[in-house]
Amino acid sequence: MEFSGYAFILTVVEPKITTPYEIIPRHTLQKAIPKQVEIIKSTLERFNTNIPSLLHPPYEFNVEVGQGEQPRQSIYTFKKLEPEDWRYWIISFGPNNQEMINLGYALSLMENDIELGFEIIGKDAKNVGFTWHAQSLHTYFNDRIRGQLPPKPILEEDLLLAAHCYEKLLSLPKEYQHIRRSFRLFDDLRSIPLLSRLAILGLFSALESLLTHAPDPKDPSDSLARQIKHKVALIQKRFVRDLDYEKWFDDIKEANLWKKLYLYRSLVAHGEEAHISDKLEKLKSTESIVSFLREVLKLLLAEALDEPELITDLKEC
């Protein structure tokens, strides 16, 4: 007997393509129909322990953030959408959900990446099962920064990249399990608030797991910072997207950027104040640092799928 189901897209998205859209065989991006919306909303309620973003779900409201009377005070204005404009999107699948882990990894590499939430599985409305990772869901809805983000536009080129990366994941040879471990590490970060110190250290760790070896303590040129700086410079021309540093940071030379990023990493790792000022002011903000590191990691993971031998050789050299 064949079962089918769908994964709820946790990320607030606005697809810029004609839907339904089959991403990979039997896995289709589409808008949830009213009966599915009812199930999704009732499932979300299971996580509603006064989680702020569930009071005004971003799938049903637009949010505008304004400046309050006090410094750093924000005022939030919520505008209810009409039901036909709600943003409950799903990826339907059949006959089972065995491919969702790899597809989730692939969707995370898009420029406007998609994060999947719970999965709803069943043969009919009376026989429904659920699967979810409660910690990542709770983190997502409690993460204020995510509640302020506008809907992510999803283009066909994004989904074509995801489909390509999915196929590469399926055929990744066993000798490159370190690359798959890096995917798991990146995915594990979903359980940590986006701008937390642990998430920042986790992003550095994931980058290092792909590109660096244990530094030689007798060789200053073999430090993690120098390895990352030189190896990213070597590989970035092969990335599937341009890495435009000015998108995230003020005028800063690429050679100096990683030096400053690793100074910031050191401050964070040793529990010191890591103010974005003085020597670090060109890094702009924690948000810029996290967004940049995530993009570099996504590009490296995508390249690792296309050329695993090259990435492995870079790691060892």
Protein backbone atom coordinates (compact mmCIF):
# COMPACT_ATOMS: atom_id res chain seq x y z
CA MET A 1 0.00 0.00 0.00
CA GLU A 2 1.41 3.39 -1.01
CA PHE A 3 1.38 6.23 1.48
CA SER A 4 1.85 9.87 0.62
CA GLY A 5 2.18 13.10 2.48
CA TYR A 6 3.71 16.54 2.51
CA ALA A 7 6.35 18.58 4.29
CA PHE A 8 5.35 22.00 5.56
CA ILE A 9 7.77 24.74 4.48
CA LEU A 10 8.75 26.54 7.65
CA THR A 11 10.38 29.42 5.80
CA VAL A 12 7.98 32.15 4.70
CA VAL A 13 8.28 32.07 0.91
CA GLU A 14 6.80 33.65 -2.20
CA PRO A 15 7.52 31.38 -5.19
CA LYS A 16 8.04 33.32 -8.41
CA ILE A 17 7.20 30.32 -10.57
CA THR A 18 4.11 28.55 -11.81
CA THR A 19 3.01 26.02 -9.22
CA PRO A 20 2.59 23.12 -8.63
CA TYR A 21 6.27 22.64 -9.50
CA GLU A 22 7.97 19.24 -9.35
CA ILE A 23 11.43 19.75 -7.81
CA ILE A 24 12.50 16.12 -8.07
CA PRO A 25 10.36 13.16 -9.16
CA ARG A 26 7.24 12.87 -6.97
CA HIS A 27 8.24 15.83 -4.79
CA THR A 28 6.22 18.89 -5.70
CA LEU A 29 6.19 22.46 -4.42
CA GLN A 30 2.60 23.69 -4.11
CA LYS A 31 0.33 25.85 -2.04
CA ALA A 32 -1.51 24.07 0.74
CA ILE A 33 -5.22 23.56 0.10
CA PRO A 34 -7.70 24.57 2.86
CA LYS A 35 -7.88 21.08 4.44
CA GLN A 36 -4.10 20.93 4.59
CA VAL A 37 -3.97 24.43 6.08
CA GLU A 38 -6.27 23.27 8.87
CA ILE A 39 -3.97 20.35 9.68
CA ILE A 40 -0.87 22.58 9.49
CA LYS A 41 -2.40 25.17 11.83
CA SER A 42 -3.51 22.56 14.35
CA THR A 43 -0.02 21.03 14.23
CA LEU A 44 1.58 24.43 14.79
CA GLU A 45 -0.59 24.84 17.87
CA ARG A 46 1.24 21.90 19.41
CA PHE A 47 4.29 24.14 19.60
CA ASN A 48 2.46 27.24 20.80
CA THR A 49 3.85 27.66 24.30
CA ASN A 50 3.37 31.43 24.03
CA ILE A 51 5.86 31.54 21.17
CA PRO A 52 5.69 35.18 19.94
CA SER A 53 5.69 34.48 16.20
CA LEU A 54 2.74 32.09 16.50
CA LEU A 55 0.55 34.84 17.94
CA HIS A 56 0.73 36.56 14.54
CA PRO A 57 1.89 33.75 12.23
CA PRO A 58 4.03 35.12 9.41
CA TYR A 59 2.07 32.89 7.03
CA GLU A 60 -1.07 34.99 7.65
CA PHE A 61 0.34 38.44 8.49
CA ASN A 62 2.66 41.02 7.02
CA VAL A 63 4.87 42.62 9.65
CA GLU A 64 6.33 46.10 9.57
CA VAL A 65 9.07 47.10 12.02
CA GLY A 66 9.26 50.74 13.05
CA GLN A 67 11.39 52.79 15.44
CA GLY A 68 9.97 53.39 18.91
CA GLU A 69 10.41 56.46 21.08
CA GLN A 70 13.31 54.94 23.00
CA PRO A 71 16.70 54.04 21.47
CA ARG A 72 16.72 50.50 20.05
CA GLN A 73 13.00 50.22 20.69
CA SER A 74 11.10 48.56 17.85
CA ILE A 75 7.39 48.78 17.17
CA TYR A 76 5.74 45.95 15.25
CA THR A 77 2.65 46.46 13.11
CA PHE A 78 0.81 43.39 11.84
CA LYS A 79 -1.51 43.39 8.85
CA LYS A 80 -3.77 40.38 8.36
CA LEU A 81 -3.73 38.85 4.89
CA GLU A 82 -6.75 37.52 3.07
CA PRO A 83 -6.91 33.69 3.19
CA GLU A 84 -6.15 33.41 -0.53
CA ASP A 85 -2.89 35.27 0.13
CA TRP A 86 -1.75 33.13 3.04
CA ARG A 87 1.72 31.65 2.73
CA TYR A 88 1.24 28.03 3.71
CA TRP A 89 3.43 26.19 1.21
CA ILE A 90 4.24 22.50 1.14
CA ILE A 91 6.30 19.91 -0.70
CA SER A 92 4.09 16.92 -1.41
CA PHE A 93 5.70 13.51 -1.75
CA GLY A 94 4.89 9.89 -2.45
CA PRO A 95 5.04 7.00 -1.90
CA ASN A 96 7.14 7.75 1.22
CA ASN A 97 9.28 10.41 2.87
CA GLN A 98 12.64 8.64 2.57
CA GLU A 99 14.09 11.30 0.26
CA MET A 100 13.20 14.30 2.44
CA ILE A 101 16.48 14.41 4.35
CA ASN A 102 18.58 14.69 1.19
CA LEU A 103 16.08 17.08 -0.39
CA GLY A 104 16.17 19.21 2.76
CA TYR A 105 19.98 19.36 2.54
CA ALA A 106 19.72 20.40 -1.13
CA LEU A 107 17.11 23.10 -0.47
CA SER A 108 19.37 24.61 2.18
CA LEU A 109 21.97 25.45 -0.50
CA MET A 110 19.75 27.82 -2.47
CA GLU A 111 20.52 31.54 -2.24
CA ASN A 112 17.08 32.00 -0.69
CA ASP A 113 17.24 28.74 1.20
CA ILE A 114 14.19 26.80 2.32
CA GLU A 115 13.89 25.25 5.77
CA LEU A 116 11.46 22.36 6.07
CA GLY A 117 9.32 21.89 9.19
CA PHE A 118 7.20 18.91 10.10
CA GLU A 119 5.98 16.20 7.75
CA ILE A 120 2.40 14.97 7.61
CA ILE A 121 2.02 11.42 6.32
CA GLY A 122 -1.02 9.26 5.68
CA LYS A 123 -3.13 7.38 3.22
CA ASP A 124 -6.29 9.40 3.99
CA ALA A 125 -7.60 12.12 6.33
CA LYS A 126 -8.43 9.60 9.08
CA ASN A 127 -5.01 7.98 9.13
CA VAL A 128 -2.49 10.79 9.54
CA GLY A 129 0.94 10.58 11.11
CA PHE A 130 3.42 13.31 11.93
CA THR A 131 7.19 13.58 12.08
CA TRP A 132 9.12 16.59 13.28
CA HIS A 133 12.23 17.83 15.07
CA ALA A 134 10.75 19.71 18.01
CA GLN A 135 13.94 21.55 18.95
CA SER A 136 14.49 23.15 15.55
CA LEU A 137 10.81 24.12 15.32
CA HIS A 138 10.86 25.75 18.74
CA THR A 139 14.08 27.58 17.88
CA TYR A 140 12.68 28.82 14.58
CA PHE A 141 9.54 30.32 16.08
CA ASN A 142 11.34 31.84 19.07
CA ASP A 143 14.02 33.41 16.89
CA ARG A 144 12.96 37.04 16.66
CA ILE A 145 15.22 37.82 13.72
CA ARG A 146 13.40 35.24 11.58
CA GLY A 147 10.04 36.79 12.45
CA GLN A 148 11.24 40.09 11.00
CA LEU A 149 12.44 38.71 7.68
CA PRO A 150 10.34 39.41 4.58
CA PRO A 151 9.09 36.44 2.52
CA LYS A 152 11.85 34.83 0.49
CA PRO A 153 11.33 34.85 -3.29
CA ILE A 154 11.87 31.39 -4.78
CA LEU A 155 12.99 31.31 -8.42
CA GLU A 156 13.16 28.40 -10.81
CA GLU A 157 16.96 28.66 -10.92
CA ASP A 158 16.97 28.08 -7.13
CA LEU A 159 14.94 24.89 -7.45
CA LEU A 160 17.01 23.66 -10.40
CA LEU A 161 20.12 24.02 -8.25
CA ALA A 162 18.41 22.13 -5.42
CA ALA A 163 17.46 19.31 -7.80
CA HIS A 164 21.04 19.14 -9.09
CA CYS A 165 22.50 19.04 -5.56
CA TYR A 166 20.00 16.38 -4.54
CA GLU A 167 21.15 14.11 -7.37
CA LYS A 168 24.79 14.71 -6.45
CA LEU A 169 24.07 13.81 -2.83
CA LEU A 170 22.56 10.51 -3.89
CA SER A 171 25.65 9.60 -5.92
CA LEU A 172 28.27 10.90 -3.46
CA PRO A 173 30.89 8.13 -3.13
CA LYS A 174 31.36 6.56 0.29
CA GLU A 175 34.93 7.83 0.61
CA TYR A 176 33.58 11.37 0.95
CA GLN A 177 31.60 10.86 4.14
CA HIS A 178 33.31 13.93 5.61
CA ILE A 179 31.32 16.01 3.13
CA ARG A 180 28.05 14.44 4.26
CA ARG A 181 29.08 15.11 7.88
CA SER A 182 29.45 18.78 6.97
CA PHE A 183 25.87 18.74 5.66
CA ARG A 184 24.68 17.24 8.95
CA LEU A 185 26.59 19.88 10.90
CA PHE A 186 25.02 22.66 8.83
CA ASP A 187 21.60 21.12 9.37
CA ASP A 188 22.20 20.77 13.13
CA LEU A 189 22.59 24.54 13.35
CA ARG A 190 18.83 24.87 12.73
CA SER A 191 18.38 23.97 16.41
CA ILE A 192 20.40 27.00 17.56
CA PRO A 193 19.20 30.64 17.42
CA LEU A 194 20.43 32.23 14.22
CA LEU A 195 22.61 34.93 15.82
CA SER A 196 23.78 33.05 18.90
CA ARG A 197 27.46 32.60 19.72
CA LEU A 198 27.11 28.84 19.35
CA ALA A 199 25.64 29.24 15.85
CA ILE A 200 28.52 31.51 14.83
CA LEU A 201 31.11 29.04 16.11
CA GLY A 202 29.17 26.25 14.41
CA LEU A 203 29.38 28.01 11.05
CA PHE A 204 33.14 28.44 11.40
CA SER A 205 33.42 24.78 12.42
CA ALA A 206 31.45 23.64 9.37
CA LEU A 207 33.66 25.72 7.06
CA GLU A 208 36.78 24.31 8.67
CA SER A 209 35.47 20.75 8.41
CA LEU A 210 35.36 21.16 4.64
CA LEU A 211 38.57 23.06 3.94
CA THR A 212 41.10 22.77 6.76
CA HIS A 213 43.38 20.24 8.39
CA ALA A 214 44.78 20.43 11.91
CA PRO A 215 47.26 23.35 11.89
CA ASP A 216 50.95 22.73 12.40
CA PRO A 217 51.74 24.56 15.68
CA LYS A 218 55.28 25.19 14.44
CA ASP A 219 54.08 26.88 11.24
CA PRO A 220 52.25 30.23 11.66
CA SER A 221 51.26 30.18 8.00
CA ASP A 222 49.25 26.99 8.62
CA SER A 223 46.70 28.60 10.96
CA LEU A 224 42.98 28.01 10.41
CA ALA A 225 42.48 31.66 9.41
CA ARG A 226 45.22 31.50 6.76
CA GLN A 227 43.99 28.17 5.44
CA ILE A 228 40.43 29.45 5.04
CA LYS A 229 41.56 32.76 3.51
CA HIS A 230 43.77 31.16 0.86
CA LYS A 231 41.54 28.18 0.06
CA VAL A 232 38.34 30.22 -0.34
CA ALA A 233 40.25 32.57 -2.66
CA LEU A 234 41.39 29.57 -4.72
CA ILE A 235 37.98 27.96 -5.03
CA GLN A 236 35.52 30.84 -5.22
CA LYS A 237 35.73 31.25 -9.01
CA ARG A 238 34.14 27.80 -9.27
CA PHE A 239 31.16 28.68 -7.06
CA VAL A 240 27.66 28.45 -8.54
CA ARG A 241 27.03 32.07 -7.49
CA ASP A 242 29.32 35.08 -7.30
CA LEU A 243 30.57 35.84 -3.80
CA ASP A 244 30.15 39.61 -3.67
CA TYR A 245 31.78 40.74 -0.42
CA GLU A 246 30.31 44.24 -0.69
CA LYS A 247 26.83 42.76 -0.27
CA TRP A 248 27.61 42.10 3.39
CA PHE A 249 30.46 44.38 4.42
CA ASP A 250 31.75 47.91 4.06
CA ASP A 251 34.77 48.63 1.90
CA ILE A 252 37.24 45.95 2.94
CA LYS A 253 39.87 43.97 1.09
CA GLU A 254 39.25 40.25 0.81
CA ALA A 255 42.67 39.48 2.34
CA ASN A 256 41.80 41.49 5.46
CA LEU A 257 38.25 40.18 5.75
CA TRP A 258 39.10 36.70 6.97
CA LYS A 259 41.67 38.14 9.38
CA LYS A 260 38.92 40.26 10.96
CA LEU A 261 36.41 37.41 10.89
CA TYR A 262 38.83 35.15 12.75
CA LEU A 263 39.56 37.90 15.27
CA TYR A 264 35.80 38.05 15.82
CA ARG A 265 35.67 34.24 16.07
CA SER A 266 38.42 34.27 18.69
CA LEU A 267 36.57 36.85 20.81
CA VAL A 268 33.36 34.83 20.61
CA ALA A 269 35.10 31.52 21.36
CA HIS A 270 36.81 32.92 24.46
CA GLY A 271 33.66 34.48 25.86
CA GLU A 272 34.81 38.06 25.39
CA GLU A 273 32.74 41.01 24.20
CA ALA A 274 32.70 41.00 20.42
CA HIS A 275 31.50 44.51 19.67
CA ILE A 276 31.39 45.39 15.95
CA SER A 277 33.50 48.52 16.44
CA ASP A 278 37.09 49.73 16.27
CA LYS A 279 39.09 47.00 14.48
CA LEU A 280 35.91 45.12 13.56
CA GLU A 281 33.69 48.00 12.44
CA LYS A 282 33.90 47.09 8.75
CA LEU A 283 32.18 43.80 9.53
CA LYS A 284 29.05 45.97 10.06
CA SER A 285 26.93 43.67 12.24
CA THR A 286 26.45 40.18 13.63
CA GLU A 287 23.66 39.74 11.07
CA SER A 288 26.09 40.49 8.22
CA ILE A 289 28.68 38.07 9.58
CA VAL A 290 26.19 35.21 9.98
CA SER A 291 24.58 35.81 6.58
CA PHE A 292 27.99 35.88 4.88
CA LEU A 293 29.27 32.74 6.60
CA ARG A 294 26.08 30.88 5.70
CA GLU A 295 26.44 31.86 2.05
CA VAL A 296 30.11 30.81 1.90
CA LEU A 297 29.21 27.48 3.51
CA LYS A 298 26.34 26.89 1.08
CA LEU A 299 28.59 27.61 -1.89
CA LEU A 300 31.34 25.34 -0.56
CA LEU A 301 28.90 22.50 0.05
CA ALA A 302 27.48 22.84 -3.46
CA GLU A 303 31.01 22.82 -4.90
CA ALA A 304 31.91 19.81 -2.73
CA LEU A 305 29.09 17.86 -4.36
CA ASP A 306 30.29 18.73 -7.86
CA GLU A 307 34.00 18.21 -7.18
CA PRO A 308 34.44 16.21 -3.97
CA GLU A 309 37.97 15.15 -4.87
CA LEU A 310 39.07 18.77 -5.35
CA ILE A 311 37.60 19.90 -2.02
CA THR A 312 39.19 16.92 -0.26
CA ASP A 313 42.58 17.71 -1.79
CA LEU A 314 42.25 21.33 -0.65
CA LYS A 315 41.45 20.17 2.85
CA GLU A 316 44.57 18.04 3.02
CA CYS A 317 47.03 20.48 1.46
